[in-house]
């Protein structure tokens, strides 16, 4: 039953596009739908890019924090003399 409705709609669309004014209205409507979809997709892409940018910023901050933390742990041990580290003179 659904395929008949689909065929009827297709036939109606074909019939309505025979008249130049109807064709113009059909094309205008189609272009408006495409523009709306394109705008929605564009906004979605921009939102995803912004989210990824925020994630990258968070990762960079985490790496910076880890680097500072690691440097803080390494510095005191490197300033010890060999005798303080248990070595012999």
PDB file of N, CA and C in Angstrom:
ATOM      1  N   UNK A   1       0.826  -1.181   0.000  1.00  0.00           N
ATOM      2  CA  UNK A   1       0.000   0.000   0.000  1.00  0.00           C
ATOM      3  C   UNK A   1       0.879   1.257   0.000  1.00  0.00           C
ATOM      4  N   UNK A   2       1.977   1.187   0.754  1.00  0.00           N
ATOM      5  CA  UNK A   2       2.858   2.332   0.852  1.00  0.00           C
ATOM      6  C   UNK A   2       3.503   2.656  -0.496  1.00  0.00           C
ATOM      7  N   UNK A   3       3.846   1.624  -1.265  1.00  0.00           N
ATOM      8  CA  UNK A   3       4.476   1.861  -2.556  1.00  0.00           C
ATOM      9  C   UNK A   3       3.515   2.545  -3.514  1.00  0.00           C
ATOM     10  N   UNK A   4       2.225   2.238  -3.417  1.00  0.00           N
ATOM     11  CA  UNK A   4       1.239   2.922  -4.259  1.00  0.00           C
ATOM     12  C   UNK A   4       1.187   4.402  -3.908  1.00  0.00           C
ATOM     13  N   UNK A   5       1.233   4.700  -2.609  1.00  0.00           N
ATOM     14  CA  UNK A   5       1.215   6.100  -2.195  1.00  0.00           C
ATOM     15  C   UNK A   5       2.472   6.805  -2.697  1.00  0.00           C
ATOM     16  N   UNK A   6       3.599   6.124  -2.611  1.00  0.00           N
ATOM     17  CA  UNK A   6       4.843   6.692  -3.115  1.00  0.00           C
ATOM     18  C   UNK A   6       4.769   6.934  -4.608  1.00  0.00           C
ATOM     19  N   UNK A   7       4.196   5.970  -5.349  1.00  0.00           N
ATOM     20  CA  UNK A   7       4.040   6.134  -6.788  1.00  0.00           C
ATOM     21  C   UNK A   7       3.074   7.260  -7.105  1.00  0.00           C
ATOM     22  N   UNK A   8       1.981   7.352  -6.336  1.00  0.00           N
ATOM     23  CA  UNK A   8       1.019   8.422  -6.548  1.00  0.00           C
ATOM     24  C   UNK A   8       1.655   9.781  -6.297  1.00  0.00           C
ATOM     25  N   UNK A   9       2.465   9.872  -5.245  1.00  0.00           N
ATOM     26  CA  UNK A   9       3.136  11.136  -4.953  1.00  0.00           C
ATOM     27  C   UNK A   9       4.119  11.483  -6.061  1.00  0.00           C
ATOM     28  N   UNK A  10       4.848  10.499  -6.554  1.00  0.00           N
ATOM     29  CA  UNK A  10       5.787  10.744  -7.644  1.00  0.00           C
ATOM     30  C   UNK A  10       5.046  11.192  -8.887  1.00  0.00           C
ATOM     31  N   UNK A  11       3.930  10.546  -9.176  1.00  0.00           N
ATOM     32  CA  UNK A  11       3.122  10.913 -10.340  1.00  0.00           C
ATOM     33  C   UNK A  11       2.581  12.332 -10.174  1.00  0.00           C
ATOM     34  N   UNK A  12       2.136  12.658  -8.972  1.00  0.00           N
ATOM     35  CA  UNK A  12       1.632  14.008  -8.712  1.00  0.00           C
ATOM     36  C   UNK A  12       2.740  15.037  -8.885  1.00  0.00           C
ATOM     37  N   UNK A  13       3.939  14.701  -8.435  1.00  0.00           N
ATOM     38  CA  UNK A  13       5.061  15.623  -8.593  1.00  0.00           C
ATOM     39  C   UNK A  13       5.374  15.820 -10.071  1.00  0.00           C
ATOM     40  N   UNK A  14       5.353  14.726 -10.836  1.00  0.00           N
ATOM     41  CA  UNK A  14       5.621  14.837 -12.271  1.00  0.00           C
ATOM     42  C   UNK A  14       4.547  15.665 -12.957  1.00  0.00           C
ATOM     43  N   UNK A  15       3.291  15.435 -12.580  1.00  0.00           N
ATOM     44  CA  UNK A  15       2.197  16.186 -13.184  1.00  0.00           C
ATOM     45  C   UNK A  15       2.286  17.666 -12.827  1.00  0.00           C
ATOM     46  N   UNK A  16       2.644  17.948 -11.591  1.00  0.00           N
ATOM     47  CA  UNK A  16       2.694  19.344 -11.154  1.00  0.00           C
ATOM     48  C   UNK A  16       3.872  20.091 -11.775  1.00  0.00           C
ATOM     49  N   UNK A  17       4.890  19.386 -12.216  1.00  0.00           N
ATOM     50  CA  UNK A  17       6.053  20.055 -12.802  1.00  0.00           C
ATOM     51  C   UNK A  17       5.895  20.300 -14.299  1.00  0.00           C
ATOM     52  N   UNK A  18       4.777  19.922 -14.872  1.00  0.00           N
ATOM     53  CA  UNK A  18       4.550  20.182 -16.303  1.00  0.00           C
ATOM     54  C   UNK A  18       4.265  21.653 -16.546  1.00  0.00           C
ATOM     55  N   UNK A  19       3.615  22.304 -15.616  1.00  0.00           N
ATOM     56  CA  UNK A  19       3.299  23.719 -15.713  1.00  0.00           C
ATOM     57  C   UNK A  19       4.534  24.513 -15.282  1.00  0.00           C
ATOM     58  N   UNK A  20       4.982  25.504 -16.058  1.00  0.00           N
ATOM     59  CA  UNK A  20       6.196  26.261 -15.702  1.00  0.00           C
ATOM     60  C   UNK A  20       6.130  26.923 -14.318  1.00  0.00           C
ATOM     61  N   UNK A  21       4.967  27.455 -13.951  1.00  0.00           N
ATOM     62  CA  UNK A  21       4.845  28.086 -12.638  1.00  0.00           C
ATOM     63  C   UNK A  21       4.980  27.044 -11.530  1.00  0.00           C
ATOM     64  N   UNK A  22       4.381  25.880 -11.757  1.00  0.00           N
ATOM     65  CA  UNK A  22       4.487  24.805 -10.769  1.00  0.00           C
ATOM     66  C   UNK A  22       5.921  24.308 -10.668  1.00  0.00           C
ATOM     67  N   UNK A  23       6.582  24.231 -11.811  1.00  0.00           N
ATOM     68  CA  UNK A  23       7.977  23.797 -11.817  1.00  0.00           C
ATOM     69  C   UNK A  23       8.835  24.790 -11.036  1.00  0.00           C
ATOM     70  N   UNK A  24       8.579  26.062 -11.248  1.00  0.00           N
ATOM     71  CA  UNK A  24       9.320  27.095 -10.524  1.00  0.00           C
ATOM     72  C   UNK A  24       9.095  26.972  -9.021  1.00  0.00           C
ATOM     73  N   UNK A  25       7.849  26.787  -8.623  1.00  0.00           N
ATOM     74  CA  UNK A  25       7.534  26.639  -7.198  1.00  0.00           C
ATOM     75  C   UNK A  25       8.174  25.378  -6.629  1.00  0.00           C
ATOM     76  N   UNK A  26       8.150  24.298  -7.413  1.00  0.00           N
ATOM     77  CA  UNK A  26       8.742  23.036  -6.970  1.00  0.00           C
ATOM     78  C   UNK A  26      10.242  23.193  -6.754  1.00  0.00           C
ATOM     79  N   UNK A  27      10.913  23.798  -7.722  1.00  0.00           N
ATOM     80  CA  UNK A  27      12.367  23.990  -7.628  1.00  0.00           C
ATOM     81  C   UNK A  27      12.698  24.929  -6.466  1.00  0.00           C
ATOM     82  N   UNK A  28      11.920  25.987  -6.306  1.00  0.00           N
ATOM     83  CA  UNK A  28      12.151  26.921  -5.204  1.00  0.00           C
ATOM     84  C   UNK A  28      12.015  26.204  -3.863  1.00  0.00           C
ATOM     85  N   UNK A  29      10.978  25.404  -3.719  1.00  0.00           N
ATOM     86  CA  UNK A  29      10.763  24.646  -2.488  1.00  0.00           C
ATOM     87  C   UNK A  29      11.916  23.671  -2.245  1.00  0.00           C
ATOM     88  N   UNK A  30      12.334  22.990  -3.302  1.00  0.00           N
ATOM     89  CA  UNK A  30      13.435  22.038  -3.192  1.00  0.00           C
ATOM     90  C   UNK A  30      14.724  22.741  -2.764  1.00  0.00           C
ATOM     91  N   UNK A  31      14.996  23.883  -3.358  1.00  0.00           N
ATOM     92  CA  UNK A  31      16.199  24.642  -2.998  1.00  0.00           C
ATOM     93  C   UNK A  31      16.142  25.137  -1.555  1.00  0.00           C
ATOM     94  N   UNK A  32      14.970  25.549  -1.105  1.00  0.00           N
ATOM     95  CA  UNK A  32      14.826  25.987   0.284  1.00  0.00           C
ATOM     96  C   UNK A  32      15.072  24.833   1.247  1.00  0.00           C
ATOM     97  N   UNK A  33      14.568  23.657   0.899  1.00  0.00           N
ATOM     98  CA  UNK A  33      14.804  22.479   1.738  1.00  0.00           C
ATOM     99  C   UNK A  33      16.290  22.139   1.783  1.00  0.00           C
ATOM    100  N   UNK A  34      16.928  22.190   0.615  1.00  0.00           N
ATOM    101  CA  UNK A  34      18.359  21.887   0.557  1.00  0.00           C
ATOM    102  C   UNK A  34      19.160  22.909   1.364  1.00  0.00           C
ATOM    103  N   UNK A  35      18.788  24.179   1.255  1.00  0.00           N
ATOM    104  CA  UNK A  35      19.490  25.221   1.999  1.00  0.00           C
ATOM    105  C   UNK A  35      19.327  25.014   3.499  1.00  0.00           C
ATOM    106  N   UNK A  36      18.132  24.657   3.917  1.00  0.00           N
ATOM    107  CA  UNK A  36      17.879  24.405   5.336  1.00  0.00           C
ATOM    108  C   UNK A  36      18.711  23.231   5.838  1.00  0.00           C
ATOM    109  N   UNK A  37      18.750  22.168   5.064  1.00  0.00           N
ATOM    110  CA  UNK A  37      19.550  20.998   5.455  1.00  0.00           C
ATOM    111  C   UNK A  37      21.031  21.339   5.487  1.00  0.00           C
ATOM    112  N   UNK A  38      21.474  22.089   4.487  1.00  0.00           N
ATOM    113  CA  UNK A  38      22.880  22.488   4.438  1.00  0.00           C
ATOM    114  C   UNK A  38      23.233  23.345   5.653  1.00  0.00           C
ATOM    115  N   UNK A  39      22.353  24.270   6.009  1.00  0.00           N
ATOM    116  CA  UNK A  39      22.592  25.132   7.169  1.00  0.00           C
ATOM    117  C   UNK A  39      22.679  24.309   8.446  1.00  0.00           C
ATOM    118  N   UNK A  40      21.772  23.337   8.583  1.00  0.00           N
ATOM    119  CA  UNK A  40      21.776  22.466   9.761  1.00  0.00           C
ATOM    120  C   UNK A  40      23.068  21.664   9.831  1.00  0.00           C
ATOM    121  N   UNK A  41      23.479  21.105   8.696  1.00  0.00           N
ATOM    122  CA  UNK A  41      24.714  20.316   8.665  1.00  0.00           C
ATOM    123  C   UNK A  41      25.926  21.197   8.952  1.00  0.00           C
ATOM    124  N   UNK A  42      25.946  22.396   8.394  1.00  0.00           N
ATOM    125  CA  UNK A  42      27.062  23.314   8.630  1.00  0.00           C
ATOM    126  C   UNK A  42      27.180  23.655  10.106  1.00  0.00           C
ATOM    127  N   UNK A  43      26.046  23.946  10.734  1.00  0.00           N
ATOM    128  CA  UNK A  43      26.054  24.279  12.160  1.00  0.00           C
ATOM    129  C   UNK A  43      26.535  23.095  12.987  1.00  0.00           C
ATOM    130  N   UNK A  44      26.110  21.897  12.596  1.00  0.00           N
ATOM    131  CA  UNK A  44      26.530  20.686  13.301  1.00  0.00           C
ATOM    132  C   UNK A  44      28.042  20.495  13.186  1.00  0.00           C
ATOM    133  N   UNK A  45      28.572  20.723  12.003  1.00  0.00           N
ATOM    134  CA  UNK A  45      30.016  20.576  11.789  1.00  0.00           C
ATOM    135  C   UNK A  45      30.781  21.606  12.618  1.00  0.00           C
ATOM    136  N   UNK A  46      30.314  22.844  12.620  1.00  0.00           N
ATOM    137  CA  UNK A  46      30.981  23.894  13.394  1.00  0.00           C
ATOM    138  C   UNK A  46      30.962  23.562  14.881  1.00  0.00           C
ATOM    139  N   UNK A  47      29.832  23.055  15.360  1.00  0.00           N
ATOM    140  CA  UNK A  47      29.724  22.666  16.770  1.00  0.00           C
ATOM    141  C   UNK A  47      30.720  21.565  17.103  1.00  0.00           C
ATOM    142  N   UNK A  48      30.826  20.560  16.228  1.00  0.00           N
ATOM    143  CA  UNK A  48      31.760  19.454  16.465  1.00  0.00           C
ATOM    144  C   UNK A  48      33.205  19.956  16.457  1.00  0.00           C
ATOM    145  N   UNK A  49      33.530  20.864  15.548  1.00  0.00           N
ATOM    146  CA  UNK A  49      34.885  21.419  15.493  1.00  0.00           C
ATOM    147  C   UNK A  49      35.193  22.184  16.781  1.00  0.00           C
ATOM    148  N   UNK A  50      34.229  22.961  17.264  1.00  0.00           N
ATOM    149  CA  UNK A  50      34.423  23.689  18.526  1.00  0.00           C
ATOM    150  C   UNK A  50      34.643  22.729  19.691  1.00  0.00           C
ATOM    151  N   UNK A  51      33.857  21.644  19.726  1.00  0.00           N
ATOM    152  CA  UNK A  51      34.023  20.645  20.788  1.00  0.00           C
ATOM    153  C   UNK A  51      35.403  20.003  20.721  1.00  0.00           C
ATOM    154  N   UNK A  52      35.857  19.680  19.509  1.00  0.00           N
ATOM    155  CA  UNK A  52      37.186  19.078  19.358  1.00  0.00           C
ATOM    156  C   UNK A  52      38.272  20.065  19.780  1.00  0.00           C
ATOM    157  N   UNK A  53      38.094  21.345  19.460  1.00  0.00           N
ATOM    158  CA  UNK A  53      39.052  22.359  19.878  1.00  0.00           C
ATOM    159  C   UNK A  53      39.159  22.430  21.392  1.00  0.00           C
ATOM    160  N   UNK A  54      38.018  22.352  22.064  1.00  0.00           N
ATOM    161  CA  UNK A  54      38.018  22.364  23.533  1.00  0.00           C
ATOM    162  C   UNK A  54      38.720  21.137  24.091  1.00  0.00           C
ATOM    163  N   UNK A  55      38.472  19.994  23.475  1.00  0.00           N
ATOM    164  CA  UNK A  55      39.134  18.762  23.932  1.00  0.00           C
ATOM    165  C   UNK A  55      40.643  18.854  23.742  1.00  0.00           C
ATOM    166  N   UNK A  56      41.063  19.395  22.612  1.00  0.00           N
ATOM    167  CA  UNK A  56      42.500  19.550  22.350  1.00  0.00           C
ATOM    168  C   UNK A  56      43.115  20.494  23.384  1.00  0.00           C
ATOM    169  N   UNK A  57      42.418  21.587  23.688  1.00  0.00           N
ATOM    170  CA  UNK A  57      42.908  22.511  24.723  1.00  0.00           C
ATOM    171  C   UNK A  57      43.056  21.802  26.063  1.00  0.00           C
ATOM    172  N   UNK A  58      42.068  20.965  26.415  1.00  0.00           N
ATOM    173  CA  UNK A  58      42.134  20.209  27.674  1.00  0.00           C
ATOM    174  C   UNK A  58      43.323  19.249  27.681  1.00  0.00           C
ATOM    175  N   UNK A  59      43.556  18.580  26.555  1.00  0.00           N
ATOM    176  CA  UNK A  59      44.686  17.646  26.454  1.00  0.00           C
ATOM    177  C   UNK A  59      46.005  18.402  26.590  1.00  0.00           C
ATOM    178  N   UNK A  60      46.114  19.546  25.907  1.00  0.00           N
ATOM    179  CA  UNK A  60      47.334  20.346  26.007  1.00  0.00           C
ATOM    180  C   UNK A  60      47.584  20.785  27.445  1.00  0.00           C
ATOM    181  N   UNK A  61      46.530  21.192  28.148  1.00  0.00           N
ATOM    182  CA  UNK A  61      46.665  21.604  29.550  1.00  0.00           C
ATOM    183  C   UNK A  61      47.109  20.428  30.412  1.00  0.00           C
ATOM    184  N   UNK A  62      46.534  19.246  30.168  1.00  0.00           N
ATOM    185  CA  UNK A  62      46.923  18.054  30.929  1.00  0.00           C
ATOM    186  C   UNK A  62      48.384  17.704  30.687  1.00  0.00           C
ATOM    187  N   UNK A  63      48.821  17.794  29.439  1.00  0.00           N
ATOM    188  CA  UNK A  63      50.222  17.504  29.112  1.00  0.00           C
ATOM    189  C   UNK A  63      51.137  18.516  29.793  1.00  0.00           C
ATOM    190  N   UNK A  64      50.739  19.781  29.763  1.00  0.00           N
ATOM    191  CA  UNK A  64      51.537  20.816  30.421  1.00  0.00           C
ATOM    192  C   UNK A  64      51.630  20.549  31.923  1.00  0.00           C
ATOM    193  N   UNK A  65      50.510  20.202  32.546  1.00  0.00           N
ATOM    194  CA  UNK A  65      50.510  19.892  33.982  1.00  0.00           C
ATOM    195  C   UNK A  65      51.401  18.693  34.287  1.00  0.00           C
ATOM    196  N   UNK A  66      51.316  17.652  33.459  1.00  0.00           N
ATOM    197  CA  UNK A  66      52.149  16.463  33.664  1.00  0.00           C
ATOM    198  C   UNK A  66      53.627  16.791  33.489  1.00  0.00           C
ATOM    199  N   UNK A  67      53.932  17.628  32.513  1.00  0.00           N
ATOM    200  CA  UNK A  67      55.320  18.025  32.279  1.00  0.00           C
ATOM    201  C   UNK A  67      55.864  18.788  33.481  1.00  0.00           C
ATOM    202  N   UNK A  68      55.069  19.703  34.001  1.00  0.00           N
ATOM    203  CA  UNK A  68      55.496  20.473  35.181  1.00  0.00           C
ATOM    204  C   UNK A  68      55.655  19.548  36.383  1.00  0.00           C
ATOM    205  N   UNK A  69      54.704  18.642  36.565  1.00  0.00           N
ATOM    206  CA  UNK A  69      54.764  17.698  37.682  1.00  0.00           C
ATOM    207  C   UNK A  69      55.984  16.797  37.565  1.00  0.00           C
ATOM    208  N   UNK A  70      56.249  16.299  36.376  1.00  0.00           N
ATOM    209  CA  UNK A  70      57.398  15.421  36.155  1.00  0.00           C
ATOM    210  C   UNK A  70      58.702  16.186  36.358  1.00  0.00           C
ATOM    211  N   UNK A  71      58.767  17.408  35.870  1.00  0.00           N
ATOM    212  CA  UNK A  71      59.972  18.222  36.046  1.00  0.00           C
ATOM    213  C   UNK A  71      60.219  18.490  37.523  1.00  0.00           C
ATOM    214  N   UNK A  72      59.172  18.679  38.290  1.00  0.00           N
ATOM    215  CA  UNK A  72      59.301  18.903  39.729  1.00  0.00           C
ATOM    216  C   UNK A  72      59.824  17.681  40.442  1.00  0.00           C
ATOM    217  N   UNK A  73      59.478  16.501  39.968  1.00  0.00           N
ATOM    218  CA  UNK A  73      59.943  15.259  40.589  1.00  0.00           C
ATOM    219  C   UNK A  73      61.380  14.959  40.207  1.00  0.00           C
ATOM    220  N   UNK A  74      61.800  15.318  39.010  1.00  0.00           N
ATOM    221  CA  UNK A  74      63.137  15.003  38.519  1.00  0.00           C
ATOM    222  C   UNK A  74      64.170  15.976  39.066  1.00  0.00           C
ATOM    223  N   UNK A  75      63.854  17.243  39.196  1.00  0.00           N
ATOM    224  CA  UNK A  75      64.818  18.265  39.598  1.00  0.00           C
ATOM    225  C   UNK A  75      65.488  17.997  40.937  1.00  0.00           C
ATOM    226  N   UNK A  76      64.767  17.702  42.014  1.00  0.00           N
ATOM    227  CA  UNK A  76      65.459  17.495  43.298  1.00  0.00           C
ATOM    228  C   UNK A  76      66.439  16.330  43.256  1.00  0.00           C
ATOM    229  N   UNK A  77      66.119  15.262  42.607  1.00  0.00           N
ATOM    230  CA  UNK A  77      67.024  14.110  42.588  1.00  0.00           C
ATOM    231  C   UNK A  77      68.262  14.388  41.752  1.00  0.00           C
ATOM    232  N   UNK A  78      68.144  15.218  40.733  1.00  0.00           N
ATOM    233  CA  UNK A  78      69.319  15.510  39.910  1.00  0.00           C
ATOM    234  C   UNK A  78      70.259  16.486  40.610  1.00  0.00           C
ATOM    235  N   UNK A  79      69.776  17.216  41.621  1.00  0.00           N
ATOM    236  CA  UNK A  79      70.630  18.167  42.331  1.00  0.00           C
ATOM    237  C   UNK A  79      71.390  17.510  43.476  1.00  0.00           C
ATOM    238  N   UNK A  80      71.104  16.245  43.773  1.00  0.00           N
ATOM    239  CA  UNK A  80      71.810  15.538  44.844  1.00  0.00           C
ATOM    240  C   UNK A  80      73.222  15.184  44.394  1.00  0.00           C
ATOM    241  N   UNK A  81      74.146  15.241  45.331  1.00  0.00           N
ATOM    242  CA  UNK A  81      75.516  14.838  45.018  1.00  0.00           C
ATOM    243  C   UNK A  81      75.580  13.313  44.992  1.00  0.00           C
ATOM    244  N   UNK A  82      76.597  12.741  44.372  1.00  0.00           N
ATOM    245  CA  UNK A  82      76.706  11.278  44.313  1.00  0.00           C
ATOM    246  C   UNK A  82      76.723  10.640  45.687  1.00  0.00           C
ATOM    247  N   UNK A  83      77.305  11.301  46.702  1.00  0.00           N
ATOM    248  CA  UNK A  83      77.332  10.707  48.044  1.00  0.00           C
ATOM    249  C   UNK A  83      75.938  10.694  48.656  1.00  0.00           C
ATOM    250  N   UNK A  84      75.101  11.702  48.324  1.00  0.00           N
ATOM    251  CA  UNK A  84      73.732  11.733  48.827  1.00  0.00           C
ATOM    252  C   UNK A  84      72.876  10.649  48.176  1.00  0.00           C
ATOM    253  N   UNK A  85      73.247  10.234  46.970  1.00  0.00           N
ATOM    254  CA  UNK A  85      72.476   9.228  46.259  1.00  0.00           C
ATOM    255  C   UNK A  85      72.905   7.819  46.634  1.00  0.00           C
ATOM    256  N   UNK A  86      73.871   7.694  47.501  1.00  0.00           N
ATOM    257  CA  UNK A  86      74.322   6.377  47.922  1.00  0.00           C
ATOM    258  C   UNK A  86      75.534   5.899  47.159  1.00  0.00           C
ATOM    259  N   UNK A  87      76.131   6.771  46.386  1.00  0.00           N
ATOM    260  CA  UNK A  87      77.318   6.405  45.628  1.00  0.00           C
ATOM    261  C   UNK A  87      78.566   6.576  46.468  1.00  0.00           C
ATOM    262  N   UNK A  88      79.684   6.088  45.991  1.00  0.00           N
ATOM    263  CA  UNK A  88      80.946   6.218  46.723  1.00  0.00           C
ATOM    264  C   UNK A  88      81.824   7.230  46.028  1.00  0.00           C
ATOM    265  N   UNK A  89      82.693   7.868  46.797  1.00  0.00           N
ATOM    266  CA  UNK A  89      83.637   8.832  46.244  1.00  0.00           C
ATOM    267  C   UNK A  89      84.932   8.223  45.941  1.00  0.00           C
TER     268      UNK A  89
END
